[in-house]
């Protein structure tokens, strides 16, 4: 039961145990909030200014945006931290180089790590250096010398030098020899004497 004078819930019969007024009590199920008989509507607390509720809404919205931004920044920092710790734990693989020549001429090529510059080899007497490849036959992924090495390394990698033969240049003695003129083959009509 609700007292129509003070609006408090009470269970006494004819008088309210809080305001001690004699009254008829009404059931909570029959009344609507703010419409209790005996209480005028002007005594109910209402917002004085409707603009204050929109200001409160704006403050709540700003707080929500800031909270979301902070959560996103926290997630990004956590990802960076995880990447840094996983990079620190990941093994560092190196790139080895194979000269890939049958006669193994020249000095060994030093190994490099990711981000370092891919070396260039000097041409030998009969071979010209054309680049590096992940397969000895040259049918893998090509790597240009002088570029920074940026392929991902999941295991140690060996790059094989690729060569092409140098065309032979004729010597001065061979170049000074006159070329023999080729005589055209004779035909049967020219060799037979004319018949009368």
N, C-alpha and C. Protein backbone atom coordinates (compact mmCIF):
# COMPACT_ATOMS: atom_id res chain seq x y z
N UNK A 1 0.82 -1.17 0.00
CA UNK A 1 0.00 0.00 0.00
C UNK A 1 0.88 1.25 0.00
N UNK A 2 0.44 2.29 -0.68
CA UNK A 2 1.19 3.54 -0.78
C UNK A 2 0.35 4.66 -0.18
N UNK A 3 0.99 5.45 0.64
CA UNK A 3 0.31 6.59 1.27
C UNK A 3 0.13 7.69 0.23
N UNK A 4 -1.10 8.23 0.05
CA UNK A 4 -1.29 9.30 -0.93
C UNK A 4 -0.71 10.63 -0.48
N UNK A 5 -0.35 10.80 0.79
CA UNK A 5 0.20 12.07 1.28
C UNK A 5 1.71 12.12 1.14
N UNK A 6 2.38 11.08 1.60
CA UNK A 6 3.86 11.10 1.56
C UNK A 6 4.43 10.24 0.44
N UNK A 7 3.63 9.35 -0.14
CA UNK A 7 4.09 8.53 -1.25
C UNK A 7 4.94 7.34 -0.85
N UNK A 8 4.98 7.03 0.45
CA UNK A 8 5.80 5.91 0.92
C UNK A 8 4.97 4.66 1.01
N UNK A 9 5.67 3.56 0.90
CA UNK A 9 5.00 2.27 0.99
C UNK A 9 4.83 1.92 2.47
N UNK A 10 3.65 1.61 2.82
CA UNK A 10 3.37 1.24 4.20
C UNK A 10 2.35 0.11 4.22
N UNK A 11 2.32 -0.61 5.33
CA UNK A 11 1.41 -1.76 5.38
C UNK A 11 0.36 -1.62 6.49
N UNK A 12 0.24 -0.46 7.05
CA UNK A 12 -0.77 -0.28 8.10
C UNK A 12 -2.12 0.01 7.48
N UNK A 13 -3.16 -0.13 8.27
CA UNK A 13 -4.52 -0.02 7.76
C UNK A 13 -4.99 1.38 7.49
N UNK A 14 -5.36 2.17 8.52
CA UNK A 14 -6.03 3.44 8.31
C UNK A 14 -5.09 4.64 8.38
N UNK A 15 -3.95 4.56 9.08
CA UNK A 15 -3.02 5.68 9.17
C UNK A 15 -1.66 5.25 8.63
N UNK A 16 -0.97 6.23 8.06
CA UNK A 16 0.38 5.97 7.53
C UNK A 16 1.37 5.92 8.68
N UNK A 17 2.24 4.97 8.69
CA UNK A 17 3.19 4.87 9.80
C UNK A 17 4.31 5.89 9.68
N UNK A 18 4.41 6.57 8.52
CA UNK A 18 5.47 7.55 8.35
C UNK A 18 4.95 8.98 8.60
N UNK A 19 3.85 9.35 7.93
CA UNK A 19 3.34 10.71 8.11
C UNK A 19 2.18 10.76 9.13
N UNK A 20 1.71 9.64 9.56
CA UNK A 20 0.66 9.48 10.57
C UNK A 20 -0.63 10.21 10.21
N UNK A 21 -0.93 10.28 8.94
CA UNK A 21 -2.19 10.88 8.51
C UNK A 21 -3.21 9.77 8.28
N UNK A 22 -4.40 10.12 8.51
CA UNK A 22 -5.45 9.15 8.31
C UNK A 22 -5.90 9.27 6.86
N UNK A 23 -5.90 8.16 6.21
CA UNK A 23 -6.20 8.19 4.79
C UNK A 23 -6.59 6.80 4.31
N UNK A 24 -7.12 6.77 3.08
CA UNK A 24 -7.35 5.48 2.44
C UNK A 24 -6.10 5.14 1.66
N UNK A 25 -5.70 3.95 1.75
CA UNK A 25 -4.50 3.52 1.04
C UNK A 25 -4.90 2.93 -0.30
N UNK A 26 -4.01 3.12 -1.26
CA UNK A 26 -4.27 2.56 -2.58
C UNK A 26 -3.20 1.52 -2.89
N UNK A 27 -3.55 0.64 -3.74
CA UNK A 27 -2.62 -0.43 -4.12
C UNK A 27 -1.60 0.11 -5.13
N UNK A 28 -0.38 -0.39 -5.09
CA UNK A 28 0.66 0.03 -6.03
C UNK A 28 0.30 -0.34 -7.46
N UNK A 29 -0.41 -1.43 -7.62
CA UNK A 29 -0.74 -1.87 -8.97
C UNK A 29 -1.76 -0.95 -9.63
N UNK A 30 -2.58 -0.22 -8.83
CA UNK A 30 -3.60 0.65 -9.39
C UNK A 30 -3.07 2.05 -9.67
N UNK A 31 -1.95 2.41 -9.11
CA UNK A 31 -1.47 3.78 -9.27
C UNK A 31 -0.39 3.85 -10.34
N UNK A 32 -0.25 5.04 -10.91
CA UNK A 32 0.82 5.30 -11.86
C UNK A 32 1.82 6.23 -11.19
N UNK A 33 3.09 6.13 -11.49
CA UNK A 33 4.07 7.01 -10.85
C UNK A 33 3.75 8.47 -11.16
N UNK A 34 3.80 9.30 -10.15
CA UNK A 34 3.53 10.71 -10.31
C UNK A 34 2.06 11.05 -10.29
N UNK A 35 1.19 10.08 -10.22
CA UNK A 35 -0.25 10.33 -10.24
C UNK A 35 -0.90 9.78 -8.99
N UNK A 36 -0.27 9.92 -7.86
CA UNK A 36 -0.83 9.42 -6.61
C UNK A 36 -1.87 10.43 -6.13
N UNK A 37 -3.06 9.97 -5.80
CA UNK A 37 -4.09 10.91 -5.32
C UNK A 37 -3.63 11.61 -4.06
N UNK A 38 -3.84 12.90 -4.02
CA UNK A 38 -3.47 13.68 -2.84
C UNK A 38 -2.13 14.36 -2.99
N UNK A 39 -1.35 14.01 -3.97
CA UNK A 39 -0.04 14.65 -4.18
C UNK A 39 -0.17 15.47 -5.45
N UNK A 40 0.10 16.75 -5.37
CA UNK A 40 -0.03 17.56 -6.57
C UNK A 40 1.19 17.38 -7.45
N UNK A 41 1.00 17.66 -8.70
CA UNK A 41 2.05 17.39 -9.68
C UNK A 41 3.20 18.37 -9.56
N UNK A 42 3.03 19.52 -8.95
CA UNK A 42 4.09 20.50 -8.85
C UNK A 42 5.14 20.12 -7.82
N UNK A 43 4.79 19.22 -6.92
CA UNK A 43 5.77 18.82 -5.91
C UNK A 43 6.72 17.74 -6.41
N UNK A 44 6.43 17.16 -7.57
CA UNK A 44 7.30 16.12 -8.13
C UNK A 44 8.53 16.79 -8.74
N UNK A 45 9.70 16.25 -8.46
CA UNK A 45 10.94 16.84 -8.96
C UNK A 45 11.08 16.56 -10.45
N UNK A 46 11.26 17.63 -11.21
CA UNK A 46 11.45 17.52 -12.65
C UNK A 46 12.65 18.38 -13.03
N UNK A 47 13.28 18.07 -14.16
CA UNK A 47 14.40 18.92 -14.55
C UNK A 47 13.94 20.33 -14.85
N UNK A 48 14.67 21.30 -14.33
CA UNK A 48 14.30 22.69 -14.50
C UNK A 48 14.53 23.16 -15.93
N UNK A 49 15.66 22.73 -16.51
CA UNK A 49 16.04 23.23 -17.84
C UNK A 49 16.23 22.04 -18.78
N UNK A 50 15.51 21.99 -19.89
CA UNK A 50 15.72 20.87 -20.81
C UNK A 50 17.11 20.87 -21.43
N UNK A 51 17.75 22.01 -21.46
CA UNK A 51 19.11 22.07 -22.03
C UNK A 51 20.10 21.34 -21.14
N UNK A 52 19.83 21.26 -19.85
CA UNK A 52 20.75 20.56 -18.96
C UNK A 52 20.79 19.07 -19.26
N UNK A 53 19.68 18.49 -19.70
CA UNK A 53 19.70 17.07 -20.04
C UNK A 53 20.48 16.83 -21.33
N UNK A 54 20.41 17.75 -22.29
CA UNK A 54 21.20 17.58 -23.50
C UNK A 54 22.68 17.79 -23.21
N UNK A 55 23.00 18.69 -22.26
CA UNK A 55 24.40 18.87 -21.86
C UNK A 55 24.94 17.61 -21.20
N UNK A 56 24.11 16.98 -20.38
CA UNK A 56 24.51 15.73 -19.74
C UNK A 56 24.73 14.64 -20.78
N UNK A 57 23.86 14.62 -21.79
CA UNK A 57 24.01 13.65 -22.87
C UNK A 57 25.30 13.88 -23.63
N UNK A 58 25.65 15.14 -23.86
CA UNK A 58 26.90 15.46 -24.56
C UNK A 58 28.11 15.01 -23.75
N UNK A 59 28.06 15.22 -22.43
CA UNK A 59 29.16 14.80 -21.57
C UNK A 59 29.31 13.28 -21.60
N UNK A 60 28.18 12.58 -21.53
CA UNK A 60 28.24 11.11 -21.59
C UNK A 60 28.81 10.65 -22.92
N UNK A 61 28.43 11.30 -24.01
CA UNK A 61 28.95 10.94 -25.33
C UNK A 61 30.45 11.18 -25.43
N UNK A 62 30.92 12.30 -24.90
CA UNK A 62 32.36 12.61 -24.92
C UNK A 62 33.12 11.58 -24.10
N UNK A 63 32.61 11.23 -22.95
CA UNK A 63 33.27 10.22 -22.11
C UNK A 63 33.33 8.88 -22.82
N UNK A 64 32.25 8.52 -23.51
CA UNK A 64 32.23 7.26 -24.25
C UNK A 64 33.25 7.25 -25.38
N UNK A 65 33.37 8.36 -26.11
CA UNK A 65 34.35 8.46 -27.20
C UNK A 65 35.77 8.36 -26.66
N UNK A 66 36.04 9.06 -25.57
CA UNK A 66 37.39 9.00 -24.98
C UNK A 66 37.71 7.60 -24.50
N UNK A 67 36.73 6.94 -23.89
CA UNK A 67 36.94 5.57 -23.42
C UNK A 67 37.25 4.63 -24.58
N UNK A 68 36.50 4.77 -25.67
CA UNK A 68 36.76 3.91 -26.85
C UNK A 68 38.14 4.19 -27.42
N UNK A 69 38.52 5.46 -27.49
CA UNK A 69 39.84 5.81 -28.03
C UNK A 69 40.95 5.23 -27.17
N UNK A 70 40.79 5.31 -25.86
CA UNK A 70 41.80 4.74 -24.96
C UNK A 70 41.88 3.22 -25.10
N UNK A 71 40.74 2.57 -25.29
CA UNK A 71 40.76 1.12 -25.48
C UNK A 71 41.47 0.76 -26.78
N UNK A 72 41.22 1.51 -27.85
CA UNK A 72 41.89 1.23 -29.13
C UNK A 72 43.39 1.43 -29.00
N UNK A 73 43.80 2.51 -28.34
CA UNK A 73 45.23 2.74 -28.13
C UNK A 73 45.86 1.63 -27.29
N UNK A 74 45.14 1.17 -26.30
CA UNK A 74 45.66 0.06 -25.49
C UNK A 74 45.84 -1.20 -26.30
N UNK A 75 44.89 -1.50 -27.18
CA UNK A 75 44.99 -2.69 -28.03
C UNK A 75 46.17 -2.56 -28.98
N UNK A 76 46.36 -1.37 -29.58
CA UNK A 76 47.48 -1.17 -30.49
C UNK A 76 48.82 -1.30 -29.77
N UNK A 77 48.92 -0.74 -28.58
CA UNK A 77 50.16 -0.87 -27.82
C UNK A 77 50.42 -2.31 -27.42
N UNK A 78 49.37 -3.05 -27.11
CA UNK A 78 49.53 -4.46 -26.77
C UNK A 78 50.02 -5.24 -27.98
N UNK A 79 49.50 -4.94 -29.17
CA UNK A 79 49.97 -5.62 -30.38
C UNK A 79 51.43 -5.31 -30.66
N UNK A 80 51.82 -4.04 -30.49
CA UNK A 80 53.22 -3.67 -30.70
C UNK A 80 54.13 -4.37 -29.70
N UNK A 81 53.68 -4.48 -28.47
CA UNK A 81 54.48 -5.15 -27.45
C UNK A 81 54.63 -6.64 -27.78
N UNK A 82 53.53 -7.26 -28.23
CA UNK A 82 53.61 -8.67 -28.61
C UNK A 82 54.53 -8.87 -29.80
N UNK A 83 54.46 -7.97 -30.78
CA UNK A 83 55.33 -8.08 -31.96
C UNK A 83 56.79 -7.91 -31.56
N UNK A 84 57.05 -6.98 -30.66
CA UNK A 84 58.43 -6.76 -30.22
C UNK A 84 58.97 -7.96 -29.46
N UNK A 85 58.14 -8.55 -28.59
CA UNK A 85 58.62 -9.71 -27.84
C UNK A 85 58.76 -10.93 -28.74
N UNK A 86 57.85 -11.09 -29.72
CA UNK A 86 57.99 -12.25 -30.62
C UNK A 86 59.19 -12.07 -31.54
N UNK A 87 59.48 -10.81 -31.94
CA UNK A 87 60.65 -10.57 -32.78
C UNK A 87 61.93 -10.82 -31.99
N UNK A 88 61.89 -10.50 -30.71
CA UNK A 88 63.07 -10.74 -29.88
C UNK A 88 63.31 -12.23 -29.68
N UNK A 89 62.22 -13.01 -29.63
CA UNK A 89 62.36 -14.45 -29.42
C UNK A 89 62.64 -15.20 -30.72
N UNK A 90 62.27 -14.61 -31.87
CA UNK A 90 62.42 -15.30 -33.15
C UNK A 90 63.90 -15.45 -33.48
N UNK A 91 64.28 -16.61 -34.00
CA UNK A 91 65.68 -16.78 -34.38
C UNK A 91 66.01 -15.91 -35.59
N UNK A 92 67.24 -15.44 -35.64
CA UNK A 92 67.69 -14.61 -36.75
C UNK A 92 68.41 -15.53 -37.74
N UNK A 93 67.82 -15.64 -38.92
CA UNK A 93 68.42 -16.48 -39.95
C UNK A 93 69.27 -15.61 -40.87
N UNK A 94 70.31 -16.22 -41.40
CA UNK A 94 71.20 -15.50 -42.30
C UNK A 94 71.05 -16.06 -43.71
N UNK A 95 71.57 -15.29 -44.65
CA UNK A 95 71.55 -15.68 -46.06
C UNK A 95 72.97 -16.03 -46.45
N UNK A 96 73.15 -17.26 -46.91
CA UNK A 96 74.46 -17.71 -47.37
C UNK A 96 74.48 -17.64 -48.90
N UNK A 97 75.67 -17.54 -49.46
CA UNK A 97 75.83 -17.42 -50.91
C UNK A 97 76.69 -18.55 -51.43
N UNK A 98 76.28 -19.12 -52.54
CA UNK A 98 77.03 -20.16 -53.22
C UNK A 98 77.45 -19.60 -54.58
N UNK A 99 78.76 -19.66 -54.86
CA UNK A 99 79.26 -19.11 -56.12
C UNK A 99 78.73 -19.88 -57.32
N UNK A 100 78.38 -21.15 -57.15
CA UNK A 100 77.72 -21.94 -58.18
C UNK A 100 78.54 -22.03 -59.47
N UNK A 101 79.87 -22.14 -59.32
CA UNK A 101 80.76 -22.32 -60.48
C UNK A 101 81.41 -23.69 -60.39
N UNK A 102 81.60 -24.36 -61.52
CA UNK A 102 82.22 -25.69 -61.45
C UNK A 102 83.66 -25.64 -60.98
N UNK A 103 84.40 -24.57 -61.33
CA UNK A 103 85.81 -24.51 -60.94
C UNK A 103 86.02 -23.77 -59.62
N UNK A 104 84.93 -23.23 -59.00
CA UNK A 104 84.99 -22.56 -57.70
C UNK A 104 86.07 -21.48 -57.66
N UNK A 105 86.04 -20.59 -58.62
CA UNK A 105 87.02 -19.50 -58.64
C UNK A 105 86.59 -18.39 -57.69
N UNK A 106 87.54 -17.68 -57.10
CA UNK A 106 87.26 -16.51 -56.28
C UNK A 106 87.08 -16.85 -54.81
N UNK A 107 87.02 -15.78 -54.02
CA UNK A 107 86.90 -15.93 -52.57
C UNK A 107 85.45 -16.18 -52.19
N UNK A 108 85.26 -16.67 -50.96
CA UNK A 108 83.90 -16.91 -50.46
C UNK A 108 83.17 -15.58 -50.28
N UNK A 109 81.84 -15.65 -50.39
CA UNK A 109 81.00 -14.47 -50.21
C UNK A 109 80.49 -14.49 -48.77
N UNK A 110 80.63 -13.39 -48.01
CA UNK A 110 80.16 -13.41 -46.61
C UNK A 110 78.64 -13.48 -46.55
N UNK A 111 78.14 -14.06 -45.47
CA UNK A 111 76.69 -14.16 -45.24
C UNK A 111 76.14 -12.79 -44.83
N UNK A 112 74.83 -12.58 -45.06
CA UNK A 112 74.18 -11.34 -44.67
C UNK A 112 72.90 -11.68 -43.93
N UNK A 113 72.32 -10.68 -43.26
CA UNK A 113 71.02 -10.81 -42.60
C UNK A 113 70.00 -9.97 -43.37
N UNK A 114 68.75 -10.08 -42.95
CA UNK A 114 67.69 -9.33 -43.62
C UNK A 114 67.92 -7.84 -43.47
N UNK A 115 67.76 -7.10 -44.56
CA UNK A 115 67.95 -5.66 -44.56
C UNK A 115 69.32 -5.24 -45.06
N UNK A 116 70.29 -6.15 -45.12
CA UNK A 116 71.61 -5.80 -45.62
C UNK A 116 71.63 -5.88 -47.14
N UNK A 117 72.66 -5.31 -47.75
CA UNK A 117 72.75 -5.24 -49.20
C UNK A 117 73.28 -6.55 -49.78
N UNK A 118 72.64 -6.99 -50.87
CA UNK A 118 73.04 -8.22 -51.55
C UNK A 118 74.33 -7.94 -52.31
N UNK A 119 75.37 -8.77 -52.15
CA UNK A 119 76.65 -8.49 -52.80
C UNK A 119 76.62 -8.77 -54.30
N UNK A 120 77.63 -8.23 -54.97
CA UNK A 120 77.84 -8.45 -56.41
C UNK A 120 79.15 -9.20 -56.59
N UNK A 121 79.21 -10.11 -57.55
CA UNK A 121 80.43 -10.86 -57.84
C UNK A 121 81.08 -10.31 -59.10
N UNK A 122 82.40 -10.42 -59.15
CA UNK A 122 83.15 -10.00 -60.33
C UNK A 122 83.06 -11.09 -61.40
N UNK A 123 83.07 -10.66 -62.65
CA UNK A 123 83.08 -11.62 -63.75
C UNK A 123 84.40 -12.36 -63.76
N UNK A 124 84.33 -13.63 -64.15
CA UNK A 124 85.56 -14.40 -64.32
C UNK A 124 85.95 -14.32 -65.79
N UNK A 125 87.02 -15.01 -66.16
CA UNK A 125 87.48 -14.93 -67.55
C UNK A 125 86.45 -15.41 -68.56
N UNK A 126 85.75 -16.48 -68.25
CA UNK A 126 84.82 -17.04 -69.23
C UNK A 126 83.35 -16.96 -68.80
N UNK A 127 83.08 -16.36 -67.63
CA UNK A 127 81.69 -16.28 -67.13
C UNK A 127 81.36 -14.86 -66.71
N UNK A 128 80.11 -14.44 -66.99
CA UNK A 128 79.62 -13.12 -66.60
C UNK A 128 78.54 -13.32 -65.53
N UNK A 129 78.68 -12.59 -64.40
CA UNK A 129 77.73 -12.68 -63.29
C UNK A 129 76.44 -11.94 -63.66
N UNK A 130 75.25 -12.61 -63.50
CA UNK A 130 73.97 -12.00 -63.86
C UNK A 130 73.06 -11.77 -62.66
N UNK A 131 73.34 -12.34 -61.50
CA UNK A 131 72.49 -12.13 -60.32
C UNK A 131 72.45 -13.37 -59.45
N UNK A 132 71.51 -13.37 -58.49
CA UNK A 132 71.36 -14.47 -57.54
C UNK A 132 69.99 -15.09 -57.71
N UNK A 133 69.87 -16.38 -57.31
CA UNK A 133 68.59 -17.07 -57.39
C UNK A 133 68.52 -18.05 -56.22
N UNK A 134 67.28 -18.38 -55.83
CA UNK A 134 67.10 -19.31 -54.72
C UNK A 134 67.32 -20.76 -55.14
N UNK A 135 67.41 -21.02 -56.45
CA UNK A 135 67.67 -22.37 -56.97
C UNK A 135 68.96 -22.34 -57.77
N UNK A 136 69.77 -23.42 -57.70
CA UNK A 136 71.03 -23.42 -58.45
C UNK A 136 70.81 -23.34 -59.96
N UNK A 137 69.70 -23.89 -60.46
CA UNK A 137 69.45 -23.89 -61.90
C UNK A 137 68.92 -22.55 -62.38
N UNK A 138 68.51 -21.67 -61.47
CA UNK A 138 67.99 -20.36 -61.85
C UNK A 138 66.48 -20.32 -62.04
N UNK A 139 65.76 -21.38 -61.65
CA UNK A 139 64.30 -21.40 -61.85
C UNK A 139 63.55 -21.06 -60.56
N UNK A 140 64.22 -20.45 -59.58
CA UNK A 140 63.56 -20.04 -58.34
C UNK A 140 63.30 -18.54 -58.36
N UNK A 141 63.34 -17.92 -57.19
CA UNK A 141 63.11 -16.48 -57.07
C UNK A 141 64.42 -15.75 -57.25
N UNK A 142 64.44 -14.78 -58.17
CA UNK A 142 65.65 -14.02 -58.44
C UNK A 142 65.84 -12.88 -57.45
N UNK A 143 67.09 -12.60 -57.13
CA UNK A 143 67.44 -11.50 -56.22
C UNK A 143 68.51 -10.67 -56.92
N UNK A 144 68.27 -9.36 -57.01
CA UNK A 144 69.21 -8.48 -57.70
C UNK A 144 70.35 -8.08 -56.79
N UNK A 145 71.59 -8.11 -57.29
CA UNK A 145 72.71 -7.65 -56.48
C UNK A 145 72.63 -6.14 -56.28
N UNK A 146 73.07 -5.68 -55.11
CA UNK A 146 73.04 -4.26 -54.78
C UNK A 146 71.76 -3.82 -54.10
N UNK A 147 70.71 -4.62 -54.14
CA UNK A 147 69.45 -4.28 -53.47
C UNK A 147 69.50 -4.71 -52.01
N UNK A 148 68.74 -4.05 -51.12
CA UNK A 148 68.65 -4.56 -49.75
C UNK A 148 67.83 -5.85 -49.73
N UNK A 149 68.30 -6.82 -48.99
CA UNK A 149 67.60 -8.11 -48.94
C UNK A 149 66.40 -7.97 -48.01
N UNK A 150 65.18 -8.18 -48.56
CA UNK A 150 63.97 -7.99 -47.76
C UNK A 150 63.02 -9.17 -47.83
N UNK A 151 63.47 -10.32 -48.31
CA UNK A 151 62.60 -11.50 -48.32
C UNK A 151 62.43 -12.00 -46.89
N UNK A 152 61.21 -12.48 -46.51
CA UNK A 152 61.05 -13.03 -45.16
C UNK A 152 61.84 -14.33 -45.03
N UNK A 153 62.46 -14.49 -43.88
CA UNK A 153 63.28 -15.69 -43.64
C UNK A 153 62.61 -16.56 -42.60
N UNK A 154 62.16 -17.75 -43.01
CA UNK A 154 61.57 -18.71 -42.09
C UNK A 154 62.58 -19.80 -41.75
N UNK A 155 63.66 -19.82 -42.48
CA UNK A 155 64.73 -20.80 -42.26
C UNK A 155 65.97 -20.25 -42.94
N UNK A 156 67.15 -20.83 -42.68
CA UNK A 156 68.35 -20.34 -43.36
C UNK A 156 68.18 -20.48 -44.88
N UNK A 157 68.70 -19.50 -45.61
CA UNK A 157 68.51 -19.45 -47.06
C UNK A 157 69.86 -19.38 -47.75
N UNK A 158 69.99 -20.10 -48.85
CA UNK A 158 71.19 -20.03 -49.68
C UNK A 158 70.80 -19.47 -51.04
N UNK A 159 71.54 -18.44 -51.47
CA UNK A 159 71.33 -17.88 -52.81
C UNK A 159 72.47 -18.35 -53.70
N UNK A 160 72.12 -18.74 -54.91
CA UNK A 160 73.09 -19.29 -55.85
C UNK A 160 73.37 -18.27 -56.94
N UNK A 161 74.67 -18.08 -57.24
CA UNK A 161 75.07 -17.14 -58.28
C UNK A 161 74.65 -17.69 -59.64
N UNK A 162 74.22 -16.78 -60.51
CA UNK A 162 73.83 -17.16 -61.86
C UNK A 162 74.84 -16.56 -62.84
N UNK A 163 75.27 -17.38 -63.78
CA UNK A 163 76.34 -16.99 -64.70
C UNK A 163 75.87 -17.22 -66.13
N UNK A 164 76.45 -16.45 -67.05
CA UNK A 164 76.27 -16.73 -68.48
C UNK A 164 77.66 -16.70 -69.11
N UNK A 165 77.85 -17.54 -70.12
CA UNK A 165 79.18 -17.57 -70.74
C UNK A 165 79.48 -16.27 -71.49
N UNK A 166 80.77 -15.88 -71.44
CA UNK A 166 81.21 -14.68 -72.15
C UNK A 166 81.53 -15.10 -73.57
N UNK A 167 80.99 -14.41 -74.59
CA UNK A 167 81.30 -14.79 -75.98
C UNK A 167 82.78 -14.58 -76.26
N UNK A 168 83.34 -15.48 -77.03
CA UNK A 168 84.78 -15.40 -77.34
C UNK A 168 85.01 -14.29 -78.35
N UNK A 169 86.04 -13.49 -78.08
CA UNK A 169 86.42 -12.40 -78.99
C UNK A 169 87.60 -12.92 -79.82
N UNK A 170 87.55 -12.77 -81.15
CA UNK A 170 88.67 -13.28 -81.97
C UNK A 170 89.94 -12.47 -81.70
N UNK A 171 91.06 -13.15 -81.75
CA UNK A 171 92.35 -12.49 -81.53
C UNK A 171 92.70 -11.66 -82.76
N UNK A 172 93.75 -10.83 -82.63
CA UNK A 172 94.15 -9.97 -83.75
C UNK A 172 94.60 -10.79 -84.94
N UNK A 173 95.29 -11.89 -84.70
CA UNK A 173 95.78 -12.73 -85.81
C UNK A 173 94.60 -13.34 -86.55
N UNK A 174 93.56 -13.77 -85.80
CA UNK A 174 92.40 -14.36 -86.46
C UNK A 174 91.60 -13.29 -87.18
N UNK A 175 91.58 -12.07 -86.64
CA UNK A 175 90.80 -11.01 -87.25
C UNK A 175 91.45 -10.49 -88.53
N UNK A 176 92.81 -10.60 -88.65
CA UNK A 176 93.51 -10.08 -89.83
C UNK A 176 93.47 -11.04 -91.01
N UNK A 177 93.16 -12.29 -90.82
CA UNK A 177 93.08 -13.23 -91.93
C UNK A 177 91.91 -12.88 -92.84
N UNK A 178 92.19 -12.88 -94.19
CA UNK A 178 91.05 -12.60 -95.08
C UNK A 178 90.11 -13.79 -95.10
N UNK A 179 88.88 -13.44 -95.24
CA UNK A 179 87.90 -14.52 -95.29
C UNK A 179 87.91 -15.09 -96.70
N UNK A 180 87.88 -16.40 -96.78
CA UNK A 180 87.88 -17.06 -98.08
C UNK A 180 86.54 -16.84 -98.76
N UNK A 181 86.65 -16.47 -100.06
CA UNK A 181 85.43 -16.27 -100.80
C UNK A 181 84.85 -17.61 -101.19
N UNK A 182 83.62 -17.72 -101.06
CA UNK A 182 82.99 -18.98 -101.43
C UNK A 182 82.61 -18.91 -102.90
N UNK A 183 82.97 -19.95 -103.62
CA UNK A 183 82.60 -20.02 -105.04
C UNK A 183 81.28 -20.73 -105.14
N UNK A 184 80.41 -20.17 -105.93
CA UNK A 184 79.12 -20.84 -106.06
C UNK A 184 79.28 -22.17 -106.78
N UNK A 185 78.49 -23.11 -106.44
CA UNK A 185 78.60 -24.40 -107.12
C UNK A 185 78.25 -24.24 -108.60
N UNK A 186 78.98 -24.96 -109.42
CA UNK A 186 78.76 -24.86 -110.88
C UNK A 186 77.55 -25.68 -111.27
N UNK A 187 76.92 -25.20 -112.29
CA UNK A 187 75.76 -25.93 -112.78
C UNK A 187 76.15 -26.72 -114.01
N UNK A 188 75.41 -27.69 -114.39
CA UNK A 188 75.71 -28.55 -115.53
C UNK A 188 75.62 -27.77 -116.83
N UNK A 189 74.85 -26.75 -116.91
CA UNK A 189 74.67 -26.00 -118.16
C UNK A 189 75.93 -25.24 -118.51
N UNK A 190 76.69 -24.76 -117.53
CA UNK A 190 77.88 -24.00 -117.82
C UNK A 190 79.04 -24.89 -118.23
N UNK A 191 79.12 -26.09 -117.75
CA UNK A 191 80.26 -26.95 -118.03
C UNK A 191 80.14 -27.70 -119.35
N UNK A 192 78.97 -27.86 -119.82
CA UNK A 192 78.83 -28.58 -121.09
C UNK A 192 79.12 -27.66 -122.26
N UNK A 193 79.92 -28.16 -123.25
CA UNK A 193 80.15 -27.35 -124.44
C UNK A 193 78.87 -27.22 -125.27
N UNK A 194 78.81 -26.16 -125.96
CA UNK A 194 77.62 -25.93 -126.77
C UNK A 194 77.60 -26.91 -127.94
N UNK A 195 76.51 -27.46 -128.26
CA UNK A 195 76.37 -28.40 -129.37
C UNK A 195 75.87 -27.69 -130.58
N UNK A 196 76.42 -28.13 -131.73
CA UNK A 196 75.99 -27.53 -132.97
C UNK A 196 75.09 -28.43 -133.74
